[in-house]
Amino acid sequence: MAFKDLTSYLTNEQNEYLCANKTYVDYKKGETIIKQGVPANHIVFLEKGLARMNITDQDRTSCIDLAFSGSFLGLMCSFTGKSFIFSAEAIEDCRISIIDKEIINSLVKQNSDFSLAIINYISRTTANLVFWMSRLRSKHIEGALAMILLKFSKYYNDLSFELPVTRKEMAEILGYSKESVINTLTKFKNDKIININNRNKIEIINHETLNIVSEKG
């Protein structure tokens, strides 16, 4: 659900109030958008770009999900907790919009339809996050790599796309070694599931097989 889908439940006056209190911030690739543990005083929406969501525990950092343009970053934290339980890092250049949490809270109190839409969004987002993490952690490298390639393909809405991450970054996201990622990409290429051009250009040439690998791998 995009921001405009949520705001469609607001009156014209409420929308004008919301837009008047929205701030835009740009981040370069590699910059930290959200720092884990900081107060969740704002609603953060990813207007453009791709971000990686991480949790650090006892000096170990794990990627829990990827956030694509048109999604909120940590909306559940803003309503259920006092601080962000994860960090968010820009994988590619990003633009975010920021709205003070109290402004959203006031609109929630005024508009029950808007409130229900936010609850539904948080519920779906949480369910999708749990589903993604549980699936990814149960996969061998072939299944995990197939999952993320399909996720990138869906994001770019194309079977051919530039990988937005390095082999090392992809390994960190999936929880495998860089060598495992490189070897599996080569295997996919030799099996004629994908084609790799200019190192980072991926073309999925057998979508059906890649989908089967993501389900059973």
Protein backbone atom coordinates (compact mmCIF):
# COMPACT_ATOMS: atom_id res chain seq x y z
CA MET A 1 0.00 0.00 0.00
CA ALA A 2 1.44 3.36 -1.08
CA PHE A 3 1.23 6.52 0.98
CA LYS A 4 -1.40 7.91 -1.39
CA ASP A 5 -3.56 4.84 -0.72
CA LEU A 6 -3.54 5.63 3.00
CA THR A 7 -4.11 9.33 2.50
CA SER A 8 -7.07 8.63 0.22
CA TYR A 9 -9.02 8.06 3.45
CA LEU A 10 -8.32 11.62 4.59
CA THR A 11 -10.41 14.68 3.85
CA ASN A 12 -8.95 17.43 1.64
CA GLU A 13 -8.31 19.55 4.70
CA GLN A 14 -6.54 16.69 6.48
CA ASN A 15 -4.41 15.98 3.40
CA GLU A 16 -3.37 19.62 3.17
CA TYR A 17 -2.42 19.56 6.85
CA LEU A 18 -0.37 16.41 6.31
CA CYS A 19 1.46 17.73 3.23
CA ALA A 20 2.25 21.02 4.94
CA ASN A 21 4.07 19.13 7.70
CA LYS A 22 6.04 16.71 5.52
CA THR A 23 9.82 17.05 5.17
CA TYR A 24 11.97 15.44 2.45
CA VAL A 25 15.52 14.19 3.01
CA ASP A 26 17.90 12.63 0.48
CA TYR A 27 20.43 9.90 1.32
CA LYS A 28 23.33 8.61 -0.73
CA LYS A 29 24.04 4.91 -1.16
CA GLY A 30 25.61 3.53 2.01
CA GLU A 31 24.28 6.23 4.32
CA THR A 32 22.26 5.37 7.42
CA ILE A 33 18.61 6.43 7.17
CA ILE A 34 17.52 5.14 10.58
CA LYS A 35 19.80 4.25 13.49
CA GLN A 36 18.75 1.38 15.74
CA GLY A 37 17.74 2.54 19.20
CA VAL A 38 16.95 6.16 18.35
CA PRO A 39 13.52 7.47 19.42
CA ALA A 40 10.77 6.67 16.91
CA ASN A 41 9.34 10.17 16.96
CA HIS A 42 8.69 10.36 13.22
CA ILE A 43 6.92 8.41 10.52
CA VAL A 44 9.45 7.59 7.80
CA PHE A 45 8.31 6.83 4.24
CA LEU A 46 10.64 5.69 1.45
CA GLU A 47 9.63 7.85 -1.50
CA LYS A 48 12.36 6.58 -3.81
CA GLY A 49 15.16 4.02 -3.69
CA LEU A 50 16.03 0.79 -1.94
CA ALA A 51 17.06 0.27 1.68
CA ARG A 52 18.34 -2.55 3.82
CA MET A 53 16.86 -3.11 7.28
CA ASN A 54 19.29 -4.49 9.87
CA ILE A 55 19.20 -5.58 13.50
CA THR A 56 22.40 -5.50 15.55
CA ASP A 57 22.65 -7.72 18.60
CA GLN A 58 25.86 -8.13 20.59
CA ASP A 59 27.99 -6.70 17.76
CA ARG A 60 26.43 -9.02 15.18
CA THR A 61 24.39 -7.39 12.41
CA SER A 62 21.74 -9.31 10.50
CA CYS A 63 19.60 -8.14 7.58
CA ILE A 64 15.92 -8.71 8.30
CA ASP A 65 14.41 -7.37 5.09
CA LEU A 66 14.71 -5.06 2.10
CA ALA A 67 12.54 -1.95 1.86
CA PHE A 68 11.52 -0.76 -1.58
CA SER A 69 10.27 2.62 -2.76
CA GLY A 70 6.67 3.20 -1.75
CA SER A 71 6.96 1.62 1.68
CA PHE A 72 7.17 2.84 5.27
CA LEU A 73 10.28 2.24 7.35
CA GLY A 74 9.39 1.01 10.81
CA LEU A 75 5.81 2.20 10.99
CA MET A 76 5.07 -0.43 13.64
CA CYS A 77 7.87 0.99 15.82
CA SER A 78 6.34 4.45 15.71
CA PHE A 79 3.04 3.16 17.09
CA THR A 80 4.11 0.31 19.37
CA GLY A 81 7.46 1.37 20.78
CA LYS A 82 9.54 4.34 21.85
CA SER A 83 12.54 3.57 19.64
CA PHE A 84 13.42 1.88 16.34
CA ILE A 85 14.34 -1.76 16.85
CA PHE A 86 16.34 -1.85 13.61
CA SER A 87 18.53 0.34 11.45
CA ALA A 88 17.96 1.22 7.79
CA GLU A 89 20.77 1.74 5.28
CA ALA A 90 20.44 3.08 1.74
CA ILE A 91 21.38 0.40 -0.81
CA GLU A 92 20.93 2.93 -3.59
CA ASP A 93 20.32 6.69 -3.49
CA CYS A 94 17.10 7.27 -1.55
CA ARG A 95 14.61 10.01 -0.83
CA ILE A 96 12.45 9.79 2.27
CA SER A 97 9.64 11.88 3.66
CA ILE A 98 9.35 12.47 7.39
CA ILE A 99 6.23 13.36 9.36
CA ASP A 100 6.06 13.96 13.09
CA LYS A 101 4.35 11.03 14.80
CA GLU A 102 2.00 13.31 16.72
CA ILE A 103 0.57 14.65 13.45
CA ILE A 104 -0.33 11.12 12.35
CA ASN A 105 -1.70 10.38 15.82
CA SER A 106 -4.02 13.39 15.61
CA LEU A 107 -5.32 12.23 12.20
CA VAL A 108 -5.83 8.71 13.53
CA LYS A 109 -8.00 10.09 16.33
CA GLN A 110 -10.02 12.20 13.89
CA ASN A 111 -10.51 9.64 11.12
CA SER A 112 -11.49 6.04 11.89
CA ASP A 113 -11.12 4.89 8.25
CA PHE A 114 -7.57 6.23 8.15
CA SER A 115 -6.85 4.54 11.47
CA LEU A 116 -8.14 1.18 10.22
CA ALA A 117 -6.09 1.47 7.02
CA ILE A 118 -2.90 2.01 9.05
CA ILE A 119 -3.71 -0.99 11.28
CA ASN A 120 -4.24 -3.15 8.20
CA TYR A 121 -0.97 -1.92 6.69
CA ILE A 122 1.01 -2.68 9.85
CA SER A 123 -0.58 -6.14 10.11
CA ARG A 124 0.26 -7.03 6.51
CA THR A 125 3.77 -5.65 6.77
CA THR A 126 4.49 -7.60 9.95
CA ALA A 127 3.09 -10.82 8.46
CA ASN A 128 5.16 -10.38 5.28
CA LEU A 129 8.30 -9.72 7.31
CA VAL A 130 7.82 -12.86 9.42
CA PHE A 131 7.07 -14.90 6.29
CA TRP A 132 10.15 -13.58 4.47
CA MET A 133 12.49 -14.21 7.41
CA SER A 134 11.16 -17.69 8.14
CA ARG A 135 11.41 -18.71 4.48
CA LEU A 136 14.87 -17.24 4.01
CA ARG A 137 16.34 -18.84 7.13
CA SER A 138 15.06 -22.28 6.07
CA LYS A 139 16.68 -22.12 2.62
CA HIS A 140 19.94 -23.44 1.27
CA ILE A 141 22.00 -20.91 -0.68
CA GLU A 142 20.27 -21.82 -3.97
CA GLY A 143 16.80 -21.15 -2.58
CA ALA A 144 17.84 -17.99 -0.74
CA LEU A 145 19.57 -16.53 -3.79
CA ALA A 146 16.60 -17.37 -6.00
CA MET A 147 14.31 -15.59 -3.52
CA ILE A 148 16.27 -12.35 -3.59
CA LEU A 149 16.69 -12.36 -7.39
CA LEU A 150 12.93 -12.73 -7.76
CA LYS A 151 12.44 -9.94 -5.23
CA PHE A 152 14.70 -7.60 -7.21
CA SER A 153 12.94 -8.58 -10.44
CA LYS A 154 9.57 -7.71 -8.90
CA TYR A 155 10.91 -4.39 -7.60
CA TYR A 156 12.28 -3.36 -11.00
CA ASN A 157 9.27 -4.92 -12.78
CA ASP A 158 11.63 -6.53 -15.28
CA LEU A 159 13.34 -9.86 -15.87
CA SER A 160 16.49 -7.93 -16.72
CA PHE A 161 17.98 -5.55 -14.14
CA GLU A 162 21.18 -4.20 -12.61
CA LEU A 163 21.97 -5.76 -9.25
CA PRO A 164 21.83 -2.89 -6.73
CA VAL A 165 24.21 -4.69 -4.36
CA THR A 166 27.69 -6.20 -4.56
CA ARG A 167 28.30 -9.90 -4.14
CA LYS A 168 29.54 -9.21 -0.61
CA GLU A 169 26.44 -7.19 0.28
CA MET A 170 24.18 -9.89 -1.12
CA ALA A 171 26.02 -12.48 0.99
CA GLU A 172 25.46 -10.34 4.10
CA ILE A 173 21.75 -9.99 3.32
CA LEU A 174 21.31 -13.74 2.80
CA GLY A 175 23.60 -14.84 5.63
CA TYR A 176 26.00 -16.80 3.43
CA SER A 177 29.61 -16.31 2.35
CA LYS A 178 30.58 -14.21 -0.65
CA GLU A 179 32.09 -17.30 -2.26
CA SER A 180 28.80 -19.20 -1.91
CA VAL A 181 26.92 -16.38 -3.64
CA ILE A 182 29.47 -16.19 -6.49
CA ASN A 183 29.47 -19.97 -6.99
CA THR A 184 25.67 -20.18 -6.97
CA LEU A 185 25.30 -17.34 -9.46
CA THR A 186 27.72 -19.20 -11.72
CA LYS A 187 25.69 -22.40 -11.26
CA PHE A 188 22.47 -20.59 -12.17
CA LYS A 189 24.20 -19.23 -15.27
CA ASN A 190 25.56 -22.64 -16.30
CA ASP A 191 22.10 -24.16 -15.78
CA LYS A 192 20.69 -21.45 -18.08
CA ILE A 193 18.41 -20.08 -15.37
CA ILE A 194 19.96 -16.61 -15.53
CA ASN A 195 22.41 -14.72 -17.68
CA ILE A 196 25.03 -12.34 -16.25
CA ASN A 197 26.31 -9.46 -18.36
CA ASN A 198 28.88 -6.87 -17.34
CA ARG A 199 29.12 -8.47 -13.89
CA ASN A 200 26.04 -6.77 -12.39
CA LYS A 201 23.43 -7.04 -15.16
CA ILE A 202 21.15 -9.99 -14.41
CA GLU A 203 18.68 -11.46 -16.89
CA ILE A 204 16.28 -14.14 -15.69
CA ILE A 205 15.87 -16.44 -18.68
CA ASN A 206 13.99 -19.25 -16.93
CA HIS A 207 11.61 -17.63 -14.47
CA GLU A 208 9.66 -20.83 -13.83
CA THR A 209 12.74 -22.80 -12.78
CA LEU A 210 14.02 -19.95 -10.60
CA ASN A 211 10.65 -19.82 -8.87
CA ILE A 212 10.77 -23.58 -8.24
CA VAL A 213 14.26 -23.23 -6.76
CA SER A 214 13.05 -20.42 -4.48
CA GLU A 215 10.23 -22.63 -3.22
CA LYS A 216 12.12 -25.91 -2.81
CA GLY A 217 15.78 -24.91 -2.55
